[in-house]
Each structure stands twice: as C-alpha cells, then as structure tokens.
C-alpha cells in the first residue's frame, strides 16, 4: 500500500487535500494499525488526495498533559506545530478522538490553527458527496450494532450524529446502550488512564461498559477511538463473549462495504 508522506508530496510539487494524522495508537498498536489501514483504503477508493507526516509525526502530547506533565506536553506540541506550519497544513483528519480534541481545541493557543476533522465526520461527508459507494452485497445490511460514544468525541466535542449516520447508511439496526450520547460512560482509558493501573474500586470501568454493550444483544460493537476499542475488546473477552460480539472501528466496517 503506497501512502505518500508530506515530504514526498512537497518534493514533487503536490499539495494534499488533507493531512491524515495517524497518531501513536494507529502507528504502533497492532490492533489500531488495522483501523489505520482501513481508513487509508477508504481514502484511496474515494479518490481523496492525502498525505501523512510519517517519521516527522510525534505524539500530540495528550497523555502527558492529562497525566499532569505540562512541560513535556508543550515540548511535543511546539515540535508538531513547527512541522505542521512549515508544511502550511490547513486541514487534518484523524482516527483518534484524543488527537482530534487536542489538535482542535488546545493547539491554537500555542500557534497551531488548523481545521481538524474526526474520521467519522469525514466519512459522513464522503458518503453524502457520493464518493463512497457500497457494494450490492453489503454484508452489514440488517445486522444489529451498538455504538460506544468516546468521551473526547462525544461529551468533549458533542459529535454524536456523524458516527451514527455513517452506520445507518449501511442499513444496520442501531441499538443504543442504556448510557449513550451526552450520558455515555467512559471506556476507562481517558485522562491517561490507559497507561496506568486503575485505582481500586468495586468494578473495572471497561467491564461495566462491556456489560452494557453485551446487554444490547447486538451482533457488533462499533467504536470510533483506538483506546475505546482496546478497552471494550478486553472487557468483552473477559466475559467470554468475543465469539459472539466483535468490536470494530467504524472505518473497518465501511472499508468492508465499499466498492
């Protein structure tokens, strides 16, 4: 699969329509790499001219800031902003709500002003513009699915409809969990919790959320965040339900259905 870097594109005198910010999970986590590949496949098939930063992309600094290391966050952010501004980047799309939130809402104060779009919003745009066409034998048609709202996408940025509209465009039956949208429950990974041991309590957060997903008796669980994907997958496996309930990113679902 050939994916151009910004350096390669600029060297050949081209400008991408959008920069695909891959993120740490999408680059290094084996499960999240599948989401990255699925989204890149969709961009290729939809004829979107895009590029990535490749080795020039560093962590956004979100986990460092959430964990309280402001100094490390600012070092990472300034490095990224310098590279993005050097390439005159205007529009960024990312598959990670953590990257989306920090690039959109927290980079402008440091001089990084960009139009930042989450991949579910971008997919909705491509579907509405007719750039994504589904196969006649759409394997998702009539299947039931429940969607988990990522905290950084939902409550933090009030993006609730885009992911649901993308799923509904496949004629899937959407079954909501008892806590959804503005009342959704965290998967347990936010605020840098992904990288530390949890505090003692009665129940792990991801187990509670996995139970709510299982209760819907859906064929699939959809997420739009690599961290949520990991936490929900772990929770469902712990309940021995993985044979009946698979956790998939919305990009993976769309990639399997397009022509």
C-alpha atoms as a PDB file:
ATOM      1  CA  UNK A   1       0.000   0.000   0.000  1.00  0.00           C
ATOM      2  CA  UNK A   2       1.574   3.287  -1.103  1.00  0.00           C
ATOM      3  CA  UNK A   3       0.926   6.189   1.259  1.00  0.00           C
ATOM      4  CA  UNK A   4       2.726   9.451   0.483  1.00  0.00           C
ATOM      5  CA  UNK A   5       4.424  11.483   3.189  1.00  0.00           C
ATOM      6  CA  UNK A   6       4.204  15.277   3.230  1.00  0.00           C
ATOM      7  CA  UNK A   7       7.926  15.464   2.428  1.00  0.00           C
ATOM      8  CA  UNK A   8       7.462  13.296  -0.687  1.00  0.00           C
ATOM      9  CA  UNK A   9       4.411  15.217  -1.828  1.00  0.00           C
ATOM     10  CA  UNK A  10       6.033  18.628  -1.408  1.00  0.00           C
ATOM     11  CA  UNK A  11       9.156  17.412  -3.220  1.00  0.00           C
ATOM     12  CA  UNK A  12       7.022  16.506  -6.245  1.00  0.00           C
ATOM     13  CA  UNK A  13       5.243  19.890  -6.126  1.00  0.00           C
ATOM     14  CA  UNK A  14       1.897  18.482  -4.940  1.00  0.00           C
ATOM     15  CA  UNK A  15      -0.388  19.603  -2.133  1.00  0.00           C
ATOM     16  CA  UNK A  16      -2.709  17.173  -0.339  1.00  0.00           C
ATOM     17  CA  UNK A  17      -6.389  17.948   0.263  1.00  0.00           C
ATOM     18  CA  UNK A  18      -5.992  16.690   3.802  1.00  0.00           C
ATOM     19  CA  UNK A  19      -3.278  15.521   6.193  1.00  0.00           C
ATOM     20  CA  UNK A  20      -4.054  12.155   7.817  1.00  0.00           C
ATOM     21  CA  UNK A  21      -2.795  12.347  11.410  1.00  0.00           C
ATOM     22  CA  UNK A  22      -2.167   8.684  12.247  1.00  0.00           C
ATOM     23  CA  UNK A  23      -1.430   9.025  15.977  1.00  0.00           C
ATOM     24  CA  UNK A  24       0.579   6.793  18.317  1.00  0.00           C
ATOM     25  CA  UNK A  25      -2.041   4.038  18.599  1.00  0.00           C
ATOM     26  CA  UNK A  26      -2.612   3.962  14.838  1.00  0.00           C
ATOM     27  CA  UNK A  27       1.142   3.751  14.248  1.00  0.00           C
ATOM     28  CA  UNK A  28       2.343   1.306  16.893  1.00  0.00           C
ATOM     29  CA  UNK A  29      -0.596  -0.676  18.323  1.00  0.00           C
ATOM     30  CA  UNK A  30      -1.151  -3.843  16.275  1.00  0.00           C
ATOM     31  CA  UNK A  31      -4.943  -3.691  16.645  1.00  0.00           C
ATOM     32  CA  UNK A  32      -5.144   0.028  15.824  1.00  0.00           C
ATOM     33  CA  UNK A  33      -2.906  -0.435  12.766  1.00  0.00           C
ATOM     34  CA  UNK A  34      -5.841  -2.302  11.178  1.00  0.00           C
ATOM     35  CA  UNK A  35      -8.008   0.803  11.685  1.00  0.00           C
ATOM     36  CA  UNK A  36      -5.320   2.976  10.060  1.00  0.00           C
ATOM     37  CA  UNK A  37      -5.114   0.624   7.080  1.00  0.00           C
ATOM     38  CA  UNK A  38      -8.920   0.503   6.733  1.00  0.00           C
ATOM     39  CA  UNK A  39      -9.202   4.300   6.731  1.00  0.00           C
ATOM     40  CA  UNK A  40      -6.328   4.687   4.245  1.00  0.00           C
ATOM     41  CA  UNK A  41      -8.067   2.143   1.992  1.00  0.00           C
ATOM     42  CA  UNK A  42     -11.268   4.206   2.108  1.00  0.00           C
ATOM     43  CA  UNK A  43      -9.379   7.424   1.271  1.00  0.00           C
ATOM     44  CA  UNK A  44      -7.748   5.688  -1.712  1.00  0.00           C
ATOM     45  CA  UNK A  45     -11.039   4.306  -3.043  1.00  0.00           C
ATOM     46  CA  UNK A  46     -12.824   7.639  -2.527  1.00  0.00           C
ATOM     47  CA  UNK A  47     -10.106   9.399  -4.540  1.00  0.00           C
ATOM     48  CA  UNK A  48      -9.005  11.673  -1.694  1.00  0.00           C
ATOM     49  CA  UNK A  49      -5.541  13.183  -2.150  1.00  0.00           C
ATOM     50  CA  UNK A  50      -3.958  12.822   1.284  1.00  0.00           C
ATOM     51  CA  UNK A  51      -0.574  12.525   2.950  1.00  0.00           C
ATOM     52  CA  UNK A  52       0.857  11.579   6.343  1.00  0.00           C
ATOM     53  CA  UNK A  53       3.823  13.068   8.207  1.00  0.00           C
ATOM     54  CA  UNK A  54       5.473   9.651   8.622  1.00  0.00           C
ATOM     55  CA  UNK A  55       8.554   9.816  10.829  1.00  0.00           C
ATOM     56  CA  UNK A  56       8.039  13.560  11.290  1.00  0.00           C
ATOM     57  CA  UNK A  57       4.844  12.914  13.289  1.00  0.00           C
ATOM     58  CA  UNK A  58       5.332  12.864  17.068  1.00  0.00           C
ATOM     59  CA  UNK A  59       2.808  12.203  19.840  1.00  0.00           C
ATOM     60  CA  UNK A  60       0.409  15.148  20.256  1.00  0.00           C
ATOM     61  CA  UNK A  61       1.281  15.241  23.952  1.00  0.00           C
ATOM     62  CA  UNK A  62      -2.267  14.437  25.069  1.00  0.00           C
ATOM     63  CA  UNK A  63      -1.319  11.635  27.524  1.00  0.00           C
ATOM     64  CA  UNK A  64       1.450  13.808  29.005  1.00  0.00           C
ATOM     65  CA  UNK A  65      -0.898  16.749  29.611  1.00  0.00           C
ATOM     66  CA  UNK A  66      -3.673  14.536  31.025  1.00  0.00           C
ATOM     67  CA  UNK A  67      -1.168  12.914  33.381  1.00  0.00           C
ATOM     68  CA  UNK A  68      -0.024  16.356  34.550  1.00  0.00           C
ATOM     69  CA  UNK A  69       3.298  16.751  32.727  1.00  0.00           C
ATOM     70  CA  UNK A  70       2.645  20.162  31.147  1.00  0.00           C
ATOM     71  CA  UNK A  71       6.313  20.725  30.293  1.00  0.00           C
ATOM     72  CA  UNK A  72       6.517  17.546  28.188  1.00  0.00           C
ATOM     73  CA  UNK A  73       3.183  18.350  26.512  1.00  0.00           C
ATOM     74  CA  UNK A  74       4.366  21.809  25.424  1.00  0.00           C
ATOM     75  CA  UNK A  75       7.664  20.431  24.095  1.00  0.00           C
ATOM     76  CA  UNK A  76       5.795  17.869  21.972  1.00  0.00           C
ATOM     77  CA  UNK A  77       3.143  20.337  20.839  1.00  0.00           C
ATOM     78  CA  UNK A  78       5.635  23.018  19.742  1.00  0.00           C
ATOM     79  CA  UNK A  79       7.620  20.414  17.776  1.00  0.00           C
ATOM     80  CA  UNK A  80       4.479  19.271  15.943  1.00  0.00           C
ATOM     81  CA  UNK A  81       3.252  22.818  15.322  1.00  0.00           C
ATOM     82  CA  UNK A  82       6.616  23.787  13.847  1.00  0.00           C
ATOM     83  CA  UNK A  83       6.417  20.888  11.359  1.00  0.00           C
ATOM     84  CA  UNK A  84       2.716  21.421  10.520  1.00  0.00           C
ATOM     85  CA  UNK A  85       3.168  25.158   9.978  1.00  0.00           C
ATOM     86  CA  UNK A  86       6.326  24.501   7.969  1.00  0.00           C
ATOM     87  CA  UNK A  87       4.203  22.490   5.518  1.00  0.00           C
ATOM     88  CA  UNK A  88       1.392  25.114   5.664  1.00  0.00           C
ATOM     89  CA  UNK A  89      -1.102  22.438   6.749  1.00  0.00           C
ATOM     90  CA  UNK A  90      -4.692  23.694   6.815  1.00  0.00           C
ATOM     91  CA  UNK A  91      -6.840  20.555   7.182  1.00  0.00           C
ATOM     92  CA  UNK A  92      -6.215  17.480   9.347  1.00  0.00           C
ATOM     93  CA  UNK A  93      -8.229  14.258   9.689  1.00  0.00           C
ATOM     94  CA  UNK A  94      -7.539  11.754  12.462  1.00  0.00           C
ATOM     95  CA  UNK A  95      -8.951   8.402  13.598  1.00  0.00           C
ATOM     96  CA  UNK A  96      -8.207   9.169  17.276  1.00  0.00           C
ATOM     97  CA  UNK A  97     -10.547  11.426  19.318  1.00  0.00           C
ATOM     98  CA  UNK A  98      -7.688  12.208  21.724  1.00  0.00           C
ATOM     99  CA  UNK A  99      -5.560  13.576  18.869  1.00  0.00           C
ATOM    100  CA  UNK A 100      -8.662  15.267  17.407  1.00  0.00           C
ATOM    101  CA  UNK A 101      -9.538  17.047  20.650  1.00  0.00           C
ATOM    102  CA  UNK A 102      -6.058  18.325  21.446  1.00  0.00           C
ATOM    103  CA  UNK A 103      -5.220  19.422  17.870  1.00  0.00           C
ATOM    104  CA  UNK A 104      -8.588  21.179  17.524  1.00  0.00           C
ATOM    105  CA  UNK A 105      -9.007  22.759  20.944  1.00  0.00           C
ATOM    106  CA  UNK A 106      -5.604  23.031  22.631  1.00  0.00           C
ATOM    107  CA  UNK A 107      -3.050  23.613  19.845  1.00  0.00           C
ATOM    108  CA  UNK A 108      -4.453  27.024  18.735  1.00  0.00           C
ATOM    109  CA  UNK A 109      -3.234  28.692  21.970  1.00  0.00           C
ATOM    110  CA  UNK A 110       0.299  27.579  21.056  1.00  0.00           C
ATOM    111  CA  UNK A 111       0.064  28.819  17.452  1.00  0.00           C
ATOM    112  CA  UNK A 112      -1.315  25.711  15.749  1.00  0.00           C
ATOM    113  CA  UNK A 113      -4.520  26.725  13.948  1.00  0.00           C
ATOM    114  CA  UNK A 114      -5.985  24.015  11.705  1.00  0.00           C
ATOM    115  CA  UNK A 115      -9.332  22.681  10.543  1.00  0.00           C
ATOM    116  CA  UNK A 116      -9.425  19.356  12.386  1.00  0.00           C
ATOM    117  CA  UNK A 117     -11.944  16.646  11.450  1.00  0.00           C
ATOM    118  CA  UNK A 118     -12.593  13.280  13.064  1.00  0.00           C
ATOM    119  CA  UNK A 119     -12.697  10.370  10.632  1.00  0.00           C
ATOM    120  CA  UNK A 120     -16.392   9.656  11.327  1.00  0.00           C
ATOM    121  CA  UNK A 121     -17.248  13.231  10.234  1.00  0.00           C
ATOM    122  CA  UNK A 122     -15.065  12.836   7.155  1.00  0.00           C
ATOM    123  CA  UNK A 123     -16.705   9.509   6.288  1.00  0.00           C
ATOM    124  CA  UNK A 124     -20.147  11.096   6.619  1.00  0.00           C
ATOM    125  CA  UNK A 125     -19.060  13.882   4.223  1.00  0.00           C
ATOM    126  CA  UNK A 126     -17.710  11.370   1.678  1.00  0.00           C
ATOM    127  CA  UNK A 127     -20.928   9.312   1.823  1.00  0.00           C
ATOM    128  CA  UNK A 128     -23.127  12.409   1.397  1.00  0.00           C
ATOM    129  CA  UNK A 129     -20.988  13.590  -1.545  1.00  0.00           C
ATOM    130  CA  UNK A 130     -21.380  10.184  -3.216  1.00  0.00           C
ATOM    131  CA  UNK A 131     -17.628   9.493  -3.124  1.00  0.00           C
ATOM    132  CA  UNK A 132     -18.211   6.304  -1.128  1.00  0.00           C
ATOM    133  CA  UNK A 133     -20.440   3.748  -2.797  1.00  0.00           C
ATOM    134  CA  UNK A 134     -21.426   0.483  -1.142  1.00  0.00           C
ATOM    135  CA  UNK A 135     -21.470  -2.932  -2.801  1.00  0.00           C
ATOM    136  CA  UNK A 136     -24.824  -4.555  -3.575  1.00  0.00           C
ATOM    137  CA  UNK A 137     -23.874  -7.479  -1.360  1.00  0.00           C
ATOM    138  CA  UNK A 138     -23.386  -5.230   1.686  1.00  0.00           C
ATOM    139  CA  UNK A 139     -22.667  -7.802   4.402  1.00  0.00           C
ATOM    140  CA  UNK A 140     -23.737  -5.429   7.191  1.00  0.00           C
ATOM    141  CA  UNK A 141     -27.308  -4.941   5.949  1.00  0.00           C
ATOM    142  CA  UNK A 142     -29.821  -5.996   8.591  1.00  0.00           C
ATOM    143  CA  UNK A 143     -27.119  -6.706  11.200  1.00  0.00           C
ATOM    144  CA  UNK A 144     -27.528  -5.170  14.665  1.00  0.00           C
ATOM    145  CA  UNK A 145     -24.872  -2.910  16.144  1.00  0.00           C
ATOM    146  CA  UNK A 146     -24.382  -0.791  19.242  1.00  0.00           C
ATOM    147  CA  UNK A 147     -22.164   2.298  19.178  1.00  0.00           C
ATOM    148  CA  UNK A 148     -19.968   3.432  22.073  1.00  0.00           C
ATOM    149  CA  UNK A 149     -19.520   7.207  22.398  1.00  0.00           C
ATOM    150  CA  UNK A 150     -15.894   8.153  23.025  1.00  0.00           C
ATOM    151  CA  UNK A 151     -15.655  10.814  25.763  1.00  0.00           C
ATOM    152  CA  UNK A 152     -13.344  13.030  23.701  1.00  0.00           C
ATOM    153  CA  UNK A 153     -15.597  12.809  20.668  1.00  0.00           C
ATOM    154  CA  UNK A 154     -18.958  12.892  22.415  1.00  0.00           C
ATOM    155  CA  UNK A 155     -19.099  14.925  25.617  1.00  0.00           C
ATOM    156  CA  UNK A 156     -15.942  16.935  24.873  1.00  0.00           C
ATOM    157  CA  UNK A 157     -16.863  17.900  21.291  1.00  0.00           C
ATOM    158  CA  UNK A 158     -20.566  16.997  21.010  1.00  0.00           C
ATOM    159  CA  UNK A 159     -20.099  14.772  17.963  1.00  0.00           C
ATOM    160  CA  UNK A 160     -22.892  12.235  18.333  1.00  0.00           C
ATOM    161  CA  UNK A 161     -24.700  12.116  14.993  1.00  0.00           C
ATOM    162  CA  UNK A 162     -21.877  11.647  12.435  1.00  0.00           C
ATOM    163  CA  UNK A 163     -20.852   8.121  13.550  1.00  0.00           C
ATOM    164  CA  UNK A 164     -24.485   7.030  13.868  1.00  0.00           C
ATOM    165  CA  UNK A 165     -25.412   8.359  10.423  1.00  0.00           C
ATOM    166  CA  UNK A 166     -22.451   6.514   8.889  1.00  0.00           C
ATOM    167  CA  UNK A 167     -23.637   3.232  10.442  1.00  0.00           C
ATOM    168  CA  UNK A 168     -27.257   3.856   9.451  1.00  0.00           C
ATOM    169  CA  UNK A 169     -26.174   4.455   5.838  1.00  0.00           C
ATOM    170  CA  UNK A 170     -25.306   0.741   5.770  1.00  0.00           C
ATOM    171  CA  UNK A 171     -28.892  -0.210   6.749  1.00  0.00           C
ATOM    172  CA  UNK A 172     -27.712  -1.538  10.099  1.00  0.00           C
ATOM    173  CA  UNK A 173     -30.017  -1.716  13.098  1.00  0.00           C
ATOM    174  CA  UNK A 174     -28.566   0.628  15.715  1.00  0.00           C
ATOM    175  CA  UNK A 175     -29.235  -0.464  19.303  1.00  0.00           C
ATOM    176  CA  UNK A 176     -28.334   2.149  21.904  1.00  0.00           C
ATOM    177  CA  UNK A 177     -26.796   1.256  25.258  1.00  0.00           C
ATOM    178  CA  UNK A 178     -28.666   2.492  28.335  1.00  0.00           C
ATOM    179  CA  UNK A 179     -25.961   5.161  28.785  1.00  0.00           C
ATOM    180  CA  UNK A 180     -25.277   6.861  25.465  1.00  0.00           C
ATOM    181  CA  UNK A 181     -24.625  10.240  23.834  1.00  0.00           C
ATOM    182  CA  UNK A 182     -24.248  13.008  26.483  1.00  0.00           C
ATOM    183  CA  UNK A 183     -24.863  10.422  29.224  1.00  0.00           C
ATOM    184  CA  UNK A 184     -22.391   7.893  27.804  1.00  0.00           C
ATOM    185  CA  UNK A 185     -19.997   6.017  30.081  1.00  0.00           C
ATOM    186  CA  UNK A 186     -16.216   6.246  29.662  1.00  0.00           C
ATOM    187  CA  UNK A 187     -14.424   3.096  28.468  1.00  0.00           C
ATOM    188  CA  UNK A 188     -11.887   3.584  31.254  1.00  0.00           C
ATOM    189  CA  UNK A 189      -8.917   4.769  29.157  1.00  0.00           C
ATOM    190  CA  UNK A 190      -9.396   8.575  29.121  1.00  0.00           C
ATOM    191  CA  UNK A 191      -7.285  11.050  31.059  1.00  0.00           C
ATOM    192  CA  UNK A 192      -4.118   8.927  30.561  1.00  0.00           C
ATOM    193  CA  UNK A 193      -5.756   6.039  32.489  1.00  0.00           C
ATOM    194  CA  UNK A 194      -4.784   3.846  29.506  1.00  0.00           C
ATOM    195  CA  UNK A 195      -1.170   3.919  30.706  1.00  0.00           C
ATOM    196  CA  UNK A 196      -1.521   3.327  34.450  1.00  0.00           C
ATOM    197  CA  UNK A 197      -3.024   0.866  36.899  1.00  0.00           C
ATOM    198  CA  UNK A 198      -6.550   1.805  37.909  1.00  0.00           C
ATOM    199  CA  UNK A 199      -7.491   2.847  41.439  1.00  0.00           C
ATOM    200  CA  UNK A 200      -9.217   0.176  43.499  1.00  0.00           C
ATOM    201  CA  UNK A 201     -12.992   0.019  43.242  1.00  0.00           C
ATOM    202  CA  UNK A 202     -15.868  -2.436  43.029  1.00  0.00           C
ATOM    203  CA  UNK A 203     -15.592  -2.974  39.270  1.00  0.00           C
ATOM    204  CA  UNK A 204     -13.341  -2.007  36.374  1.00  0.00           C
ATOM    205  CA  UNK A 205     -14.850   0.748  34.216  1.00  0.00           C
ATOM    206  CA  UNK A 206     -14.278  -1.172  30.966  1.00  0.00           C
ATOM    207  CA  UNK A 207     -16.030  -4.242  32.440  1.00  0.00           C
ATOM    208  CA  UNK A 208     -19.085  -2.160  33.301  1.00  0.00           C
ATOM    209  CA  UNK A 209     -19.170  -0.650  29.815  1.00  0.00           C
ATOM    210  CA  UNK A 210     -18.641  -4.055  28.177  1.00  0.00           C
ATOM    211  CA  UNK A 211     -21.593  -5.416  30.164  1.00  0.00           C
ATOM    212  CA  UNK A 212     -23.790  -2.576  28.859  1.00  0.00           C
ATOM    213  CA  UNK A 213     -22.709  -3.379  25.277  1.00  0.00           C
ATOM    214  CA  UNK A 214     -23.417  -7.099  25.768  1.00  0.00           C
ATOM    215  CA  UNK A 215     -26.870  -6.293  27.218  1.00  0.00           C
ATOM    216  CA  UNK A 216     -27.975  -4.843  23.841  1.00  0.00           C
ATOM    217  CA  UNK A 217     -27.514  -8.326  22.305  1.00  0.00           C
ATOM    218  CA  UNK A 218     -26.062  -6.705  19.173  1.00  0.00           C
ATOM    219  CA  UNK A 219     -24.055  -8.580  16.547  1.00  0.00           C
ATOM    220  CA  UNK A 220     -21.272  -5.986  16.708  1.00  0.00           C
ATOM    221  CA  UNK A 221     -19.964  -3.170  18.882  1.00  0.00           C
ATOM    222  CA  UNK A 222     -18.764  -0.066  16.998  1.00  0.00           C
ATOM    223  CA  UNK A 223     -16.235   2.391  18.336  1.00  0.00           C
ATOM    224  CA  UNK A 224     -14.528   5.410  16.825  1.00  0.00           C
ATOM    225  CA  UNK A 225     -11.441   5.505  19.059  1.00  0.00           C
ATOM    226  CA  UNK A 226      -8.467   3.108  19.272  1.00  0.00           C
ATOM    227  CA  UNK A 227      -8.358   3.379  23.083  1.00  0.00           C
ATOM    228  CA  UNK A 228     -12.087   2.591  23.400  1.00  0.00           C
ATOM    229  CA  UNK A 229     -11.598  -0.306  21.006  1.00  0.00           C
ATOM    230  CA  UNK A 230      -8.905  -1.836  23.240  1.00  0.00           C
ATOM    231  CA  UNK A 231     -10.836  -1.343  26.484  1.00  0.00           C
ATOM    232  CA  UNK A 232     -14.132  -2.704  25.146  1.00  0.00           C
ATOM    233  CA  UNK A 233     -12.419  -5.671  23.453  1.00  0.00           C
ATOM    234  CA  UNK A 234     -10.662  -6.547  26.735  1.00  0.00           C
ATOM    235  CA  UNK A 235     -13.910  -6.203  28.682  1.00  0.00           C
ATOM    236  CA  UNK A 236     -15.895  -8.372  26.279  1.00  0.00           C
ATOM    237  CA  UNK A 237     -13.150 -11.037  26.160  1.00  0.00           C
ATOM    238  CA  UNK A 238     -13.170 -11.123  29.951  1.00  0.00           C
ATOM    239  CA  UNK A 239     -16.861 -12.032  29.758  1.00  0.00           C
ATOM    240  CA  UNK A 240     -16.133 -14.802  27.214  1.00  0.00           C
ATOM    241  CA  UNK A 241     -18.373 -13.010  24.737  1.00  0.00           C
ATOM    242  CA  UNK A 242     -15.828 -12.348  21.968  1.00  0.00           C
ATOM    243  CA  UNK A 243     -17.130 -15.253  19.913  1.00  0.00           C
ATOM    244  CA  UNK A 244     -20.499 -13.530  19.602  1.00  0.00           C
ATOM    245  CA  UNK A 245     -19.613  -9.854  19.872  1.00  0.00           C
ATOM    246  CA  UNK A 246     -16.811  -8.252  17.865  1.00  0.00           C
ATOM    247  CA  UNK A 247     -15.597  -4.698  18.474  1.00  0.00           C
ATOM    248  CA  UNK A 248     -14.876  -2.848  15.229  1.00  0.00           C
ATOM    249  CA  UNK A 249     -13.960   0.696  14.328  1.00  0.00           C
ATOM    250  CA  UNK A 250     -16.399   2.473  12.018  1.00  0.00           C
ATOM    251  CA  UNK A 251     -13.625   2.757   9.387  1.00  0.00           C
ATOM    252  CA  UNK A 252     -13.212  -1.042   9.361  1.00  0.00           C
ATOM    253  CA  UNK A 253     -16.956  -1.505   8.851  1.00  0.00           C
ATOM    254  CA  UNK A 254     -17.064   0.974   5.935  1.00  0.00           C
ATOM    255  CA  UNK A 255     -13.890  -0.441   4.333  1.00  0.00           C
ATOM    256  CA  UNK A 256     -15.534  -3.881   4.084  1.00  0.00           C
ATOM    257  CA  UNK A 257     -18.684  -2.470   2.470  1.00  0.00           C
ATOM    258  CA  UNK A 258     -17.330  -0.170  -0.248  1.00  0.00           C
ATOM    259  CA  UNK A 259     -16.938  -0.996  -3.924  1.00  0.00           C
END
